[in-house]
Amino acid sequence: MTAKTKFKITGMHCTSCAMNIDGELEDTEGVKEANTNYAKALTEVEFDTDKMTQDKIVAIIKKVGYTAQPIDK
């Protein structure tokens, strides 16, 4: 099953930061697509719920050097 979740990102300084987040997430098994918007300080991640969780996504973003928090719909 797939899910889409938006995350509020803090710590980005430019569009390259957004590209770093997208690249790291999309290289991770279980993440189908990541779309980070620097101007809005948001990322939307589509992922396979059998292989990936919101907590793991937050940890991946933290590993790249940023802070993420899921946004409840």
C-alpha atoms as a PDB file:
ATOM      1  CA  MET A   1       0.000   0.000   0.000  1.00  0.00           C
ATOM      2  CA  THR A   2       1.228   3.504  -0.717  1.00  0.00           C
ATOM      3  CA  ALA A   3       0.718   6.687   1.258  1.00  0.00           C
ATOM      4  CA  LYS A   4       1.514  10.359   0.720  1.00  0.00           C
ATOM      5  CA  THR A   5       2.555  12.559   3.614  1.00  0.00           C
ATOM      6  CA  LYS A   6       3.664  16.176   3.786  1.00  0.00           C
ATOM      7  CA  PHE A   7       6.460  17.187   6.133  1.00  0.00           C
ATOM      8  CA  LYS A   8       7.418  20.652   7.380  1.00  0.00           C
ATOM      9  CA  ILE A   9      11.172  21.108   6.881  1.00  0.00           C
ATOM     10  CA  THR A  10      13.407  23.437   8.874  1.00  0.00           C
ATOM     11  CA  GLY A  11      17.027  24.247   8.210  1.00  0.00           C
ATOM     12  CA  MET A  12      16.954  24.627   4.418  1.00  0.00           C
ATOM     13  CA  HIS A  13      18.917  27.599   3.064  1.00  0.00           C
ATOM     14  CA  CYS A  14      18.481  27.243  -0.716  1.00  0.00           C
ATOM     15  CA  THR A  15      17.026  25.115  -3.504  1.00  0.00           C
ATOM     16  CA  SER A  16      20.088  22.859  -3.385  1.00  0.00           C
ATOM     17  CA  CYS A  17      19.002  21.866   0.123  1.00  0.00           C
ATOM     18  CA  ALA A  18      15.654  20.761  -1.311  1.00  0.00           C
ATOM     19  CA  MET A  19      17.403  18.771  -4.039  1.00  0.00           C
ATOM     20  CA  ASN A  20      19.601  17.045  -1.420  1.00  0.00           C
ATOM     21  CA  ILE A  21      16.511  15.958   0.520  1.00  0.00           C
ATOM     22  CA  ASP A  22      14.776  14.682  -2.623  1.00  0.00           C
ATOM     23  CA  GLY A  23      17.854  12.786  -3.750  1.00  0.00           C
ATOM     24  CA  GLU A  24      18.417  11.080  -0.416  1.00  0.00           C
ATOM     25  CA  LEU A  25      14.763  10.094  -0.066  1.00  0.00           C
ATOM     26  CA  GLU A  26      14.380   8.845  -3.641  1.00  0.00           C
ATOM     27  CA  ASP A  27      17.513   6.704  -3.267  1.00  0.00           C
ATOM     28  CA  THR A  28      15.890   4.917  -0.319  1.00  0.00           C
ATOM     29  CA  GLU A  29      14.011   1.667  -0.839  1.00  0.00           C
ATOM     30  CA  GLY A  30      10.321   2.147  -0.140  1.00  0.00           C
ATOM     31  CA  VAL A  31      10.181   5.796  -1.234  1.00  0.00           C
ATOM     32  CA  LYS A  32       8.425   6.157  -4.567  1.00  0.00           C
ATOM     33  CA  GLU A  33       8.669   9.941  -4.960  1.00  0.00           C
ATOM     34  CA  ALA A  34       9.792  12.987  -3.004  1.00  0.00           C
ATOM     35  CA  ASN A  35       8.982  16.576  -3.896  1.00  0.00           C
ATOM     36  CA  THR A  36      10.579  19.227  -1.704  1.00  0.00           C
ATOM     37  CA  ASN A  37       9.663  22.896  -2.058  1.00  0.00           C
ATOM     38  CA  TYR A  38      12.260  25.258  -0.607  1.00  0.00           C
ATOM     39  CA  ALA A  39      10.001  28.344  -0.724  1.00  0.00           C
ATOM     40  CA  LYS A  40       7.226  26.596   1.222  1.00  0.00           C
ATOM     41  CA  ALA A  41       9.634  24.631   3.471  1.00  0.00           C
ATOM     42  CA  LEU A  42       7.664  21.466   2.727  1.00  0.00           C
ATOM     43  CA  THR A  43       8.309  18.058   1.274  1.00  0.00           C
ATOM     44  CA  GLU A  44       5.680  15.618   0.072  1.00  0.00           C
ATOM     45  CA  VAL A  45       6.719  11.982   0.083  1.00  0.00           C
ATOM     46  CA  GLU A  46       4.943   9.058  -1.555  1.00  0.00           C
ATOM     47  CA  PHE A  47       6.055   5.803   0.017  1.00  0.00           C
ATOM     48  CA  ASP A  48       5.300   2.103   0.345  1.00  0.00           C
ATOM     49  CA  THR A  49       3.882   1.584   3.837  1.00  0.00           C
ATOM     50  CA  ASP A  50       5.192  -1.992   3.906  1.00  0.00           C
ATOM     51  CA  LYS A  51       8.807  -0.780   3.601  1.00  0.00           C
ATOM     52  CA  MET A  52       8.812   2.780   4.953  1.00  0.00           C
ATOM     53  CA  THR A  53       7.307   4.758   7.839  1.00  0.00           C
ATOM     54  CA  GLN A  54       6.962   8.448   8.641  1.00  0.00           C
ATOM     55  CA  ASP A  55       9.523   8.038  11.434  1.00  0.00           C
ATOM     56  CA  LYS A  56      12.056   6.566   9.003  1.00  0.00           C
ATOM     57  CA  ILE A  57      11.472   9.465   6.591  1.00  0.00           C
ATOM     58  CA  VAL A  58      12.089  11.964   9.410  1.00  0.00           C
ATOM     59  CA  ALA A  59      15.307  10.096  10.290  1.00  0.00           C
ATOM     60  CA  ILE A  60      16.523  10.180   6.671  1.00  0.00           C
ATOM     61  CA  ILE A  61      15.894  13.926   6.445  1.00  0.00           C
ATOM     62  CA  LYS A  62      17.690  14.424   9.775  1.00  0.00           C
ATOM     63  CA  LYS A  63      20.668  12.424   8.458  1.00  0.00           C
ATOM     64  CA  VAL A  64      20.956  14.909   5.571  1.00  0.00           C
ATOM     65  CA  GLY A  65      21.031  17.778   8.077  1.00  0.00           C
ATOM     66  CA  TYR A  66      17.475  19.078   8.338  1.00  0.00           C
ATOM     67  CA  THR A  67      14.532  18.745  10.688  1.00  0.00           C
ATOM     68  CA  ALA A  68      11.198  17.331   9.531  1.00  0.00           C
ATOM     69  CA  GLN A  69       7.804  17.021  11.103  1.00  0.00           C
ATOM     70  CA  PRO A  70       4.766  15.328   9.538  1.00  0.00           C
ATOM     71  CA  ILE A  71       1.841  17.628   8.829  1.00  0.00           C
ATOM     72  CA  ASP A  72      -1.546  16.221   9.764  1.00  0.00           C
ATOM     73  CA  LYS A  73      -4.157  16.581   7.062  1.00  0.00           C
END
